[in-house]
């Protein structure tokens, strides 16, 4: 399985990635072993989707990194963002 995941970083911004081992990857983010989130800790896993095909996961990750994908994520997770007081 391949996973597309979204982290809420300590700076209030989202980080999107994909991996074949979600638990291990998130732990690496939390420990500061991933350069792109090392200075943005703490991180919190707020969303993930599972795919049986790597290409499908890559395509979904790229979508979530675009404006339309970010908008879709914020709509899907609007209750989370409303409850956590995160900016739109």
Protein backbone atom coordinates (compact mmCIF):
# COMPACT_ATOMS: atom_id res chain seq x y z
CA UNK A 1 0.00 0.00 0.00
CA UNK A 2 0.97 3.61 -0.59
CA UNK A 3 -0.26 6.49 1.51
CA UNK A 4 -0.77 10.17 0.79
CA UNK A 5 -0.62 12.07 4.05
CA UNK A 6 -1.03 15.61 5.30
CA UNK A 7 0.71 16.99 8.36
CA UNK A 8 -0.16 20.15 10.23
CA UNK A 9 3.17 21.71 11.14
CA UNK A 10 4.03 23.88 14.11
CA UNK A 11 4.14 26.95 11.86
CA UNK A 12 0.45 26.42 11.02
CA UNK A 13 1.15 25.30 7.45
CA UNK A 14 0.38 21.96 5.83
CA UNK A 15 2.91 19.47 4.53
CA UNK A 16 1.81 16.82 2.01
CA UNK A 17 3.75 13.70 1.10
CA UNK A 18 3.41 10.05 0.15
CA UNK A 19 5.04 6.89 1.43
CA UNK A 20 4.74 3.12 1.54
CA UNK A 21 5.20 3.05 5.35
CA UNK A 22 3.03 5.71 6.93
CA UNK A 23 3.84 4.97 10.56
CA UNK A 24 7.60 5.05 9.97
CA UNK A 25 7.46 8.19 7.82
CA UNK A 26 5.39 10.18 10.32
CA UNK A 27 7.75 9.12 13.09
CA UNK A 28 10.71 10.40 11.04
CA UNK A 29 8.92 13.75 10.64
CA UNK A 30 8.29 13.91 14.40
CA UNK A 31 11.94 13.16 15.21
CA UNK A 32 13.19 15.89 12.87
CA UNK A 33 14.74 13.44 10.39
CA UNK A 34 13.01 14.96 7.35
CA UNK A 35 14.66 18.14 6.09
CA UNK A 36 11.47 19.80 4.85
CA UNK A 37 9.73 19.61 8.25
CA UNK A 38 12.69 19.58 10.63
CA UNK A 39 12.36 23.26 11.47
CA UNK A 40 8.57 23.19 11.45
CA UNK A 41 7.95 20.80 14.34
CA UNK A 42 5.87 19.70 16.08
CA UNK A 43 3.94 17.97 13.32
CA UNK A 44 0.54 16.33 13.55
CA UNK A 45 -0.94 13.82 11.11
CA UNK A 46 -4.36 15.17 10.17
CA UNK A 47 -5.24 13.22 7.01
CA UNK A 48 -4.22 10.22 4.95
CA UNK A 49 -5.52 8.10 2.08
CA UNK A 50 -4.39 4.62 1.02
CA UNK A 51 -3.69 3.49 -2.55
CA UNK A 52 -2.70 0.11 -3.93
CA UNK A 53 -0.73 1.73 -6.76
CA UNK A 54 2.28 4.06 -6.33
CA UNK A 55 1.46 6.16 -9.39
CA UNK A 56 -2.04 6.84 -8.09
CA UNK A 57 -0.59 7.98 -4.76
CA UNK A 58 1.92 10.25 -6.51
CA UNK A 59 -0.84 11.79 -8.62
CA UNK A 60 -2.98 12.46 -5.53
CA UNK A 61 -0.03 14.00 -3.67
CA UNK A 62 0.64 16.37 -6.58
CA UNK A 63 -3.04 17.34 -6.65
CA UNK A 64 -3.06 18.20 -2.93
CA UNK A 65 -0.02 20.43 -3.44
CA UNK A 66 -1.85 22.56 -6.02
CA UNK A 67 -4.28 25.35 -5.18
CA UNK A 68 -7.37 23.31 -6.07
CA UNK A 69 -6.15 20.38 -3.97
CA UNK A 70 -5.41 22.58 -0.97
CA UNK A 71 -8.89 24.04 -1.29
CA UNK A 72 -10.41 20.53 -1.46
CA UNK A 73 -8.47 19.44 1.64
CA UNK A 74 -9.67 22.44 3.60
CA UNK A 75 -13.25 21.67 2.57
CA UNK A 76 -12.91 18.00 3.54
CA UNK A 77 -11.35 18.91 6.87
CA UNK A 78 -13.33 22.06 7.59
CA UNK A 79 -14.57 20.82 10.98
CA UNK A 80 -10.98 20.11 12.01
CA UNK A 81 -9.84 23.55 10.92
CA UNK A 82 -12.83 25.25 12.57
CA UNK A 83 -12.21 23.40 15.86
CA UNK A 84 -8.46 23.96 15.86
CA UNK A 85 -8.69 27.63 14.98
CA UNK A 86 -6.33 27.22 12.06
CA UNK A 87 -6.44 29.92 9.39
CA UNK A 88 -8.10 29.27 6.04
